[in-house]
Amino acid sequence: METPTASRHLPADARRAATVEAFVDLAARTNPSDISTTAIARHMGVTQGALFKHFPTKEAILEAVMGWVAERLLTRVDAAARQAASPLAALEAVFMAHVAFVTAHPGVPRMLFGELQRAEMSGPKRMAQTLIARYGERVRALLAQGKAVGEVRSGVDEGTAALLFIGSVQGLVMQSLLAGNVGQMGVQAPGVFALFRDALAGARA
């Protein structure tokens, strides 16, 4: 958290970034739907008026937060995949990078789940859906590459496998949130991915 003095003198871009980071920080221990602009301003050490100069509504803040999440998560998993020696190794690297991201920012899944569960379509919900779609495209591409080099058996349906991949991460997240121990994801993730990997590389069709 920034000191009030530091936050009051931030330039506009830095203030917007600080607002996003404040929301992410608060979401790690508070239901995102319960985070008010008053709480964000207090966390930053500024007035609500100062906050509204950059974000006219809470939804505008949420849109900026979703943009932050998409950029950070996709950049992290892309970097992890690039460093891997093979498609299957890249899938594992993406899986572990995703888990590490959530461990570092436990408020992120709460925000994503919250937005995706909203009945009405909103800017933040649309951005969350786009993030999931872009993430899924990356997983499907790696699965296709795995088939091409013989690491993934030919009978595997890439769309279904991508759903299982994403669902496995989400399952780890939900279990950790229920247990109140985000750190357990890092312990359980290797075993979960091993089961996924074995299903992909089973007896060739």
Protein backbone atom coordinates (compact mmCIF):
# COMPACT_ATOMS: atom_id res chain seq x y z
CA MET A 1 0.00 0.00 0.00
CA GLU A 2 1.26 3.46 -0.82
CA THR A 3 1.68 6.16 1.75
CA PRO A 4 -0.94 8.97 1.55
CA THR A 5 1.71 11.55 0.71
CA ALA A 6 3.16 9.49 -2.13
CA SER A 7 -0.26 8.71 -3.57
CA ARG A 8 -1.41 12.33 -3.55
CA HIS A 9 1.46 13.38 -5.80
CA LEU A 10 1.28 10.62 -8.40
CA PRO A 11 0.89 11.61 -12.08
CA ALA A 12 -2.32 10.50 -13.82
CA ASP A 13 -1.03 7.23 -15.34
CA ALA A 14 0.64 6.21 -12.10
CA ARG A 15 -2.52 7.06 -10.14
CA ARG A 16 -4.63 4.86 -12.40
CA ALA A 17 -2.11 2.02 -12.04
CA ALA A 18 -2.06 2.48 -8.27
CA THR A 19 -5.87 2.31 -8.18
CA VAL A 20 -5.84 -0.99 -10.05
CA GLU A 21 -3.18 -2.41 -7.74
CA ALA A 22 -5.15 -1.24 -4.70
CA PHE A 23 -8.25 -3.06 -5.94
CA VAL A 24 -6.27 -6.25 -6.61
CA ASP A 25 -4.73 -6.01 -3.15
CA LEU A 26 -8.11 -5.52 -1.46
CA ALA A 27 -9.67 -8.37 -3.46
CA ALA A 28 -7.12 -10.76 -1.96
CA ARG A 29 -8.96 -10.54 1.37
CA THR A 30 -12.36 -9.04 0.55
CA ASN A 31 -15.24 -10.05 -1.71
CA PRO A 32 -14.68 -7.86 -4.81
CA SER A 33 -18.38 -6.95 -4.99
CA ASP A 34 -18.07 -5.51 -1.47
CA ILE A 35 -15.12 -3.25 -2.30
CA SER A 36 -16.39 0.32 -2.45
CA THR A 37 -14.71 3.34 -3.97
CA THR A 38 -14.48 4.66 -0.41
CA ALA A 39 -12.45 1.60 0.60
CA ILE A 40 -10.18 1.94 -2.44
CA ALA A 41 -9.55 5.62 -1.75
CA ARG A 42 -8.86 4.90 1.92
CA HIS A 43 -6.45 2.10 0.98
CA MET A 44 -4.59 4.50 -1.29
CA GLY A 45 -4.67 7.39 1.17
CA VAL A 46 -6.56 9.72 -1.17
CA THR A 47 -10.05 11.20 -1.31
CA GLN A 48 -12.89 9.76 -3.37
CA GLY A 49 -12.84 12.96 -5.36
CA ALA A 50 -9.23 12.30 -6.36
CA LEU A 51 -10.18 8.77 -7.37
CA PHE A 52 -13.10 9.92 -9.52
CA LYS A 53 -10.83 12.21 -11.52
CA HIS A 54 -9.43 9.09 -13.16
CA PHE A 55 -12.29 6.58 -12.83
CA PRO A 56 -15.84 7.96 -12.94
CA THR A 57 -17.41 4.69 -11.68
CA LYS A 58 -16.50 1.46 -9.94
CA GLU A 59 -17.21 -0.38 -13.20
CA ALA A 60 -14.54 1.72 -14.89
CA ILE A 61 -12.11 0.58 -12.21
CA LEU A 62 -13.14 -3.04 -12.77
CA GLU A 63 -12.54 -2.70 -16.51
CA ALA A 64 -9.03 -1.40 -15.83
CA VAL A 65 -8.45 -4.25 -13.38
CA MET A 66 -9.54 -6.83 -15.96
CA GLY A 67 -7.18 -5.27 -18.46
CA TRP A 68 -4.37 -5.50 -15.92
CA VAL A 69 -5.15 -9.16 -15.21
CA ALA A 70 -5.29 -10.09 -18.91
CA GLU A 71 -2.01 -8.37 -19.72
CA ARG A 72 -0.12 -9.78 -16.74
CA LEU A 73 -1.45 -13.34 -16.96
CA LEU A 74 -1.08 -13.76 -20.72
CA THR A 75 2.37 -12.20 -20.70
CA ARG A 76 3.44 -14.58 -17.96
CA VAL A 77 2.12 -17.74 -19.59
CA ASP A 78 3.48 -16.73 -23.01
CA ALA A 79 6.94 -16.22 -21.53
CA ALA A 80 6.73 -19.60 -19.77
CA ALA A 81 5.70 -21.37 -22.98
CA ARG A 82 8.49 -19.78 -25.02
CA GLN A 83 11.14 -21.11 -22.64
CA ALA A 84 9.91 -24.72 -22.83
CA ALA A 85 11.66 -27.33 -24.96
CA SER A 86 8.51 -29.01 -26.35
CA PRO A 87 4.74 -28.47 -26.61
CA LEU A 88 3.97 -30.75 -23.65
CA ALA A 89 6.65 -29.04 -21.58
CA ALA A 90 5.14 -25.71 -22.62
CA LEU A 91 1.71 -26.82 -21.39
CA GLU A 92 3.22 -27.74 -18.04
CA ALA A 93 5.05 -24.41 -17.89
CA VAL A 94 1.82 -22.53 -18.65
CA PHE A 95 -0.05 -24.52 -15.98
CA MET A 96 2.57 -23.76 -13.33
CA ALA A 97 2.88 -20.11 -14.38
CA HIS A 98 -0.87 -19.70 -14.04
CA VAL A 99 -0.85 -21.26 -10.58
CA ALA A 100 2.05 -19.02 -9.55
CA PHE A 101 0.16 -15.96 -10.80
CA VAL A 102 -2.91 -16.82 -8.75
CA THR A 103 -0.76 -17.56 -5.71
CA ALA A 104 0.78 -14.09 -6.02
CA HIS A 105 -2.60 -12.43 -6.67
CA PRO A 106 -5.31 -14.47 -4.88
CA GLY A 107 -7.91 -11.77 -5.47
CA VAL A 108 -7.83 -12.33 -9.23
CA PRO A 109 -9.94 -15.54 -9.35
CA ARG A 110 -12.49 -13.96 -7.02
CA MET A 111 -12.85 -11.08 -9.49
CA LEU A 112 -13.06 -13.34 -12.53
CA PHE A 113 -15.60 -15.69 -10.97
CA GLY A 114 -17.62 -12.74 -9.73
CA GLU A 115 -17.79 -11.07 -13.13
CA LEU A 116 -18.55 -14.28 -15.04
CA GLN A 117 -21.44 -15.03 -12.66
CA ARG A 118 -23.13 -11.68 -13.27
CA ALA A 119 -26.46 -12.13 -15.08
CA GLU A 120 -26.14 -8.94 -17.10
CA MET A 121 -23.46 -8.27 -19.68
CA SER A 122 -21.02 -5.57 -18.63
CA GLY A 123 -17.66 -4.25 -19.75
CA PRO A 124 -15.74 -6.18 -17.06
CA LYS A 125 -17.68 -9.41 -17.77
CA ARG A 126 -16.98 -9.10 -21.49
CA MET A 127 -13.29 -8.60 -20.78
CA ALA A 128 -13.24 -11.66 -18.49
CA GLN A 129 -14.84 -13.76 -21.23
CA THR A 130 -12.30 -12.48 -23.75
CA LEU A 131 -9.44 -13.37 -21.41
CA ILE A 132 -10.71 -16.94 -21.00
CA ALA A 133 -11.12 -17.25 -24.77
CA ARG A 134 -7.61 -15.97 -25.51
CA TYR A 135 -6.16 -18.25 -22.86
CA GLY A 136 -8.01 -21.22 -24.34
CA GLU A 137 -6.65 -20.43 -27.80
CA ARG A 138 -3.11 -20.66 -26.47
CA VAL A 139 -3.77 -24.02 -24.83
CA ARG A 140 -5.42 -25.43 -27.95
CA ALA A 141 -2.48 -24.27 -30.09
CA LEU A 142 -0.01 -26.06 -27.82
CA LEU A 143 -2.14 -29.20 -27.92
CA ALA A 144 -2.13 -29.09 -31.73
CA GLN A 145 1.64 -28.69 -31.71
CA GLY A 146 1.89 -31.64 -29.34
CA LYS A 147 -0.07 -33.77 -31.79
CA ALA A 148 2.19 -32.70 -34.64
CA VAL A 149 5.32 -33.93 -32.85
CA GLY A 150 3.73 -37.05 -31.37
CA GLU A 151 3.62 -35.90 -27.73
CA VAL A 152 -0.18 -35.82 -27.66
CA ARG A 153 -2.11 -38.77 -29.03
CA SER A 154 -4.05 -38.07 -32.20
CA GLY A 155 -7.45 -38.99 -30.73
CA VAL A 156 -7.41 -36.15 -28.18
CA ASP A 157 -10.01 -33.46 -28.86
CA GLU A 158 -8.19 -30.16 -28.45
CA GLY A 159 -11.25 -28.20 -27.35
CA THR A 160 -12.19 -30.72 -24.67
CA ALA A 161 -8.59 -31.02 -23.47
CA ALA A 162 -8.32 -27.22 -23.22
CA LEU A 163 -11.49 -27.14 -21.11
CA LEU A 164 -10.01 -29.80 -18.82
CA PHE A 165 -6.74 -27.85 -18.58
CA ILE A 166 -8.48 -24.62 -17.57
CA GLY A 167 -10.89 -26.48 -15.31
CA SER A 168 -7.99 -28.15 -13.51
CA VAL A 169 -6.48 -24.77 -12.68
CA GLN A 170 -9.87 -23.46 -11.58
CA GLY A 171 -10.39 -26.54 -9.42
CA LEU A 172 -7.09 -25.95 -7.66
CA VAL A 173 -8.07 -22.33 -7.11
CA MET A 174 -11.49 -23.20 -5.67
CA GLN A 175 -10.03 -25.81 -3.32
CA SER A 176 -7.40 -23.39 -2.08
CA LEU A 177 -9.97 -20.64 -1.49
CA LEU A 178 -12.24 -23.04 0.39
CA ALA A 179 -9.29 -24.20 2.51
CA GLY A 180 -8.13 -20.64 3.08
CA ASN A 181 -4.65 -21.65 1.96
CA VAL A 182 -3.63 -20.28 -1.43
CA GLY A 183 -0.16 -21.74 -1.04
CA GLN A 184 -1.46 -25.31 -1.29
CA MET A 185 -1.98 -24.81 -5.05
CA GLY A 186 1.75 -24.87 -5.65
CA VAL A 187 2.04 -28.16 -3.76
CA GLN A 188 -0.88 -29.86 -5.53
CA ALA A 189 -0.34 -28.48 -9.05
CA PRO A 190 2.42 -30.90 -10.18
CA GLY A 191 0.32 -33.96 -9.37
CA VAL A 192 -2.75 -32.53 -11.06
CA PHE A 193 -0.81 -31.71 -14.21
CA ALA A 194 0.78 -35.18 -14.20
CA LEU A 195 -2.69 -36.74 -14.48
CA PHE A 196 -3.53 -34.36 -17.34
CA ARG A 197 -0.26 -35.15 -19.10
CA ASP A 198 -0.79 -38.91 -18.76
CA ALA A 199 -4.26 -38.59 -20.30
CA LEU A 200 -2.82 -36.73 -23.28
CA ALA A 201 0.04 -39.14 -23.88
CA GLY A 202 -1.79 -42.42 -23.27
CA ALA A 203 -1.93 -45.30 -25.72
CA ARG A 204 -1.79 -43.93 -29.25
CA ALA A 205 -5.02 -44.06 -31.24
